[in-house]
Each structure stands twice: as structure tokens, then as C-alpha cells.
Protein backbone atom coordinates (compact mmCIF):
# COMPACT_ATOMS: atom_id res chain seq x y z
CA MET A 1 31.96 100.08 -99.71
CA SER A 2 35.22 98.97 -98.18
CA ASP A 3 36.80 95.57 -98.10
CA SER A 4 37.96 95.04 -94.54
CA SER A 5 39.13 91.48 -94.98
CA PRO A 6 42.44 91.04 -93.15
CA ALA A 7 43.97 89.01 -95.99
CA ARG A 8 44.07 91.98 -98.38
CA HIS A 9 46.72 94.67 -97.87
CA ALA A 10 47.31 97.61 -100.13
CA ALA A 11 50.54 97.37 -102.07
CA PRO A 12 53.07 100.14 -101.49
CA VAL A 13 52.82 102.80 -104.20
CA LEU A 14 55.64 104.11 -106.36
CA ASP A 15 54.55 107.32 -108.06
CA ILE A 16 56.62 108.05 -111.15
CA TRP A 17 56.44 111.68 -112.21
CA CYS A 18 57.14 111.34 -115.88
CA GLU A 19 57.03 113.16 -119.17
CA LEU A 20 56.63 111.10 -122.32
CA GLN A 21 58.91 113.31 -124.43
CA CYS A 22 61.73 113.23 -121.85
CA PRO A 23 64.95 111.41 -122.79
CA ASP A 24 65.72 110.79 -119.08
CA CYS A 25 62.32 109.09 -118.67
CA HIS A 26 63.16 106.93 -121.68
CA THR A 27 66.41 105.94 -119.96
CA ALA A 28 64.45 105.10 -116.78
CA LEU A 29 62.28 102.56 -118.65
CA ASP A 30 64.71 99.71 -117.97
CA ASP A 31 64.52 100.42 -114.24
CA LEU A 32 60.72 100.54 -114.31
CA ARG A 33 60.56 97.26 -116.22
CA ALA A 34 62.96 95.67 -113.72
CA LEU A 35 60.87 96.91 -110.78
CA ARG A 36 57.68 95.52 -112.32
CA ALA A 37 59.42 92.20 -112.98
CA ARG A 38 60.76 91.99 -109.43
CA TYR A 39 57.64 93.06 -107.52
CA GLY A 40 54.71 92.30 -109.80
CA ASP A 41 51.50 93.36 -108.08
CA ARG A 42 53.20 93.68 -104.68
CA LEU A 43 54.26 97.22 -105.71
CA GLU A 44 51.84 99.56 -107.44
CA LEU A 45 53.57 101.70 -110.07
CA ARG A 46 51.57 104.82 -110.90
CA LEU A 47 52.47 107.00 -113.85
CA ARG A 48 51.99 110.65 -112.90
CA HIS A 49 52.16 113.37 -115.52
CA PHE A 50 54.60 116.24 -115.35
CA PRO A 51 54.80 117.75 -118.85
CA LEU A 52 57.67 120.19 -119.23
CA GLU A 53 57.31 123.38 -121.26
CA LYS A 54 60.55 122.71 -123.12
CA HIS A 55 58.95 119.71 -124.85
CA LYS A 56 56.14 120.95 -127.08
CA HIS A 57 54.35 117.59 -127.43
CA SER A 58 54.54 116.52 -123.78
CA PHE A 59 51.11 117.83 -122.75
CA ALA A 60 49.41 116.07 -125.68
CA ALA A 61 51.38 112.90 -124.90
CA ALA A 62 50.17 112.99 -121.29
CA GLN A 63 46.56 113.33 -122.47
CA ALA A 64 47.08 110.47 -124.94
CA ALA A 65 48.49 108.29 -122.14
CA GLU A 66 45.31 108.91 -120.14
CA GLU A 67 43.22 107.87 -123.14
CA ALA A 68 45.31 104.68 -123.26
CA VAL A 69 44.48 104.12 -119.58
CA ALA A 70 40.80 104.58 -120.41
CA GLN A 71 41.18 101.96 -123.15
CA GLY A 72 43.00 99.53 -120.83
CA LYS A 73 46.61 99.82 -122.03
CA GLY A 74 48.16 102.65 -120.04
CA TRP A 75 51.61 101.16 -119.36
CA PRO A 76 52.09 99.53 -122.77
CA TYR A 77 51.22 102.85 -124.39
CA ALA A 78 53.50 104.93 -122.16
CA GLU A 79 56.39 102.54 -122.77
CA ALA A 80 55.81 102.53 -126.53
CA VAL A 81 55.83 106.35 -126.65
CA LEU A 82 58.91 106.57 -124.40
CA ASP A 83 60.68 104.13 -126.72
CA ARG A 84 60.11 106.68 -129.51
CA VAL A 85 61.02 109.95 -127.79
CA ALA A 86 63.06 111.24 -130.74
CA GLU A 87 60.24 110.48 -133.19
CA LEU A 88 57.71 112.23 -130.93
CA ASP A 89 59.98 115.26 -130.93
CA ARG A 90 59.93 115.32 -134.75
CA GLU A 91 56.42 114.09 -135.58
CA GLY A 92 54.25 115.28 -132.67
CA GLU A 93 50.63 114.29 -132.24
CA PRO A 94 50.36 112.06 -135.36
CA LEU A 95 52.87 109.71 -133.69
CA LEU A 96 50.65 109.50 -130.59
CA VAL A 97 47.75 108.29 -132.72
CA GLU A 98 50.02 105.94 -134.70
CA VAL A 99 51.26 104.28 -131.50
CA ALA A 100 47.66 103.81 -130.37
CA ARG A 101 46.82 102.14 -133.68
CA GLU A 102 49.90 99.87 -133.42
CA LEU A 103 48.75 98.71 -129.98
CA GLY A 104 45.27 97.89 -131.25
CA LEU A 105 43.63 100.82 -129.49
CA ASP A 106 40.87 102.96 -130.98
CA ALA A 107 43.03 105.53 -132.80
CA GLU A 108 40.04 107.66 -133.81
CA GLU A 109 39.11 107.96 -130.13
CA PHE A 110 42.68 109.09 -129.39
CA ASP A 111 42.40 111.76 -132.05
CA THR A 112 39.06 112.91 -130.60
CA ALA A 113 40.44 112.90 -127.04
CA LEU A 114 43.32 115.14 -128.09
CA ILE A 115 40.87 117.55 -129.70
CA ASP A 116 38.18 117.63 -127.01
CA GLY A 117 40.62 117.71 -124.08
CA ARG A 118 38.72 115.17 -121.98
CA HIS A 119 41.87 114.25 -119.99
CA ILE A 120 43.26 117.75 -119.40
CA LEU A 121 42.03 117.89 -115.79
CA ILE A 122 43.88 114.67 -114.88
CA VAL A 123 47.12 115.96 -116.40
CA ASP A 124 46.71 119.38 -114.74
CA ALA A 125 45.98 117.75 -111.36
CA ASP A 126 49.08 115.54 -111.58
CA GLN A 127 51.25 118.49 -112.53
CA ALA A 128 49.85 120.65 -109.70
CA GLU A 129 50.38 117.88 -107.15
CA GLY A 130 53.92 117.34 -108.43
CA LYS A 131 54.73 121.03 -108.06
CA ALA A 132 53.22 121.02 -104.57
CA ILE A 133 55.55 118.23 -103.41
CA GLY A 134 58.64 119.73 -105.02
CA VAL A 135 58.90 117.92 -108.34
CA THR A 136 60.94 120.09 -110.70
CA GLY A 137 61.98 117.60 -113.39
CA THR A 138 61.44 114.12 -114.69
CA PRO A 139 61.69 111.36 -113.80
CA THR A 140 60.99 111.87 -110.11
CA TYR A 141 59.95 108.97 -107.90
CA VAL A 142 57.96 109.13 -104.69
CA ILE A 143 57.74 106.03 -102.50
CA GLY A 144 57.14 105.74 -98.77
CA GLY A 145 57.10 109.52 -98.44
CA GLU A 146 60.57 109.89 -100.02
CA ARG A 147 61.14 111.89 -103.20
CA LEU A 148 63.96 110.68 -105.45
CA ASP A 149 64.98 112.94 -108.33
CA GLY A 150 66.07 111.04 -111.44
CA GLY A 151 66.32 114.10 -113.67
CA LYS A 152 69.84 114.90 -112.54
CA SER A 153 71.15 111.34 -112.28
CA GLN A 154 69.52 107.94 -112.22
CA GLU A 155 72.60 106.31 -110.75
CA GLY A 156 71.54 104.09 -107.86
CA LEU A 157 67.88 105.12 -107.98
CA ARG A 158 66.46 101.66 -108.71
CA GLU A 159 68.46 100.25 -105.80
CA ARG A 160 67.12 103.01 -103.53
CA VAL A 161 63.53 102.35 -104.66
CA GLU A 162 64.07 98.63 -104.01
CA GLU A 163 65.41 99.32 -100.50
CA ILE A 164 62.35 101.42 -99.65
CA ALA A 165 59.91 98.95 -101.27
CA ASP A 166 61.50 96.01 -99.44
CA ARG A 167 61.25 97.91 -96.15
CA LEU A 168 57.59 98.77 -96.78
CA LEU A 169 56.77 95.21 -97.81
CA ALA A 170 58.55 93.79 -94.78
CA GLY A 171 56.30 95.87 -92.56
CA GLN A 172 53.16 94.27 -93.96
CA PRO A 173 51.60 91.18 -92.41
CA GLU A 174 51.57 88.13 -94.67
CA GLY A 175 48.45 88.23 -96.84
């Protein structure tokens, strides 16, 4: 079924290729929070997983983030884990379950999800798509067909995302 009502237009999408054990992704949190504050639901921010081999807990963290999505708190969970990158590095999977518990999520279900691998296909698909479009590090942003690499430097990236988002939003009829 499709909603063809003219008053509803899809928001532009900002894909954020991220890794929850990445210090650069932690640094990017302020930009993501500012973008959400500025655009609200006029810009869809999608967390895409790109776990890096150099971070041994990143694949488990990506799976845990998907379990948080399934339990209705994807962004709060991702932000909470990114705020504790150094702890994740030291403590590993027990921290992922602890964060879930702190956010009022079903921590036992997180533990089970990490064991049974129910979210592996989502993480693998994100990573494969990222590689296919040239993502090599995190964070990397894709908006309006443009790829912006924040792994080398995040200087000016939020401004560039805002320019593209404003252009995309300006091209939409009033809804």
C-alpha cells in the first residue's frame, strides 16, 4: 500500500556510517545532535553500521544497537554507547548489556541477541553497502548522493551537511 497524498513528502535522508567503538564517531555526536535539533523530522538520520576490525567490540556493539532499535530506543542507545567509547574498549559486551539496562531496555534480551546473532544480517548488509559505495572509515555521511568522510577530519562537515539538507528541503513543495 502506498500513501499518494500530495501533502506528505519523504524527508531527505542522511545516512551516517558509524562504528560504536570509534572515537571519531564519539566526536561527531555533537554534530548529529545539532542536526537533529535543527531539522527534527524534516531530515531522517539513519545510523548505518560499519564495524572496523581494529575495534574488537564494534561488531557486537552494532548488533546491540539493532536490538535497541527493535526495542524502540535505537538513537538513545547508540548515543549512550558512543558516550562511553573508552569503557567499551575496556569492558566489551558486558557494557553493552549494562547500557541497555540503564536505558530501561530488556537487558536479558540484549544478552540473548548477542548470543543468537539475530541482527548479524542487518550489520553485514550495512557494511557491504558501505564498502560498495566507498566507505573506508567512520564516520562517513551520505546525503543527496554525496559522500562526506569524517574519519580524516570533521572540520566543516556539519556545515556541508546543512548546505545539502537545506538545498534538498528547498526543492520540496510545502507539505
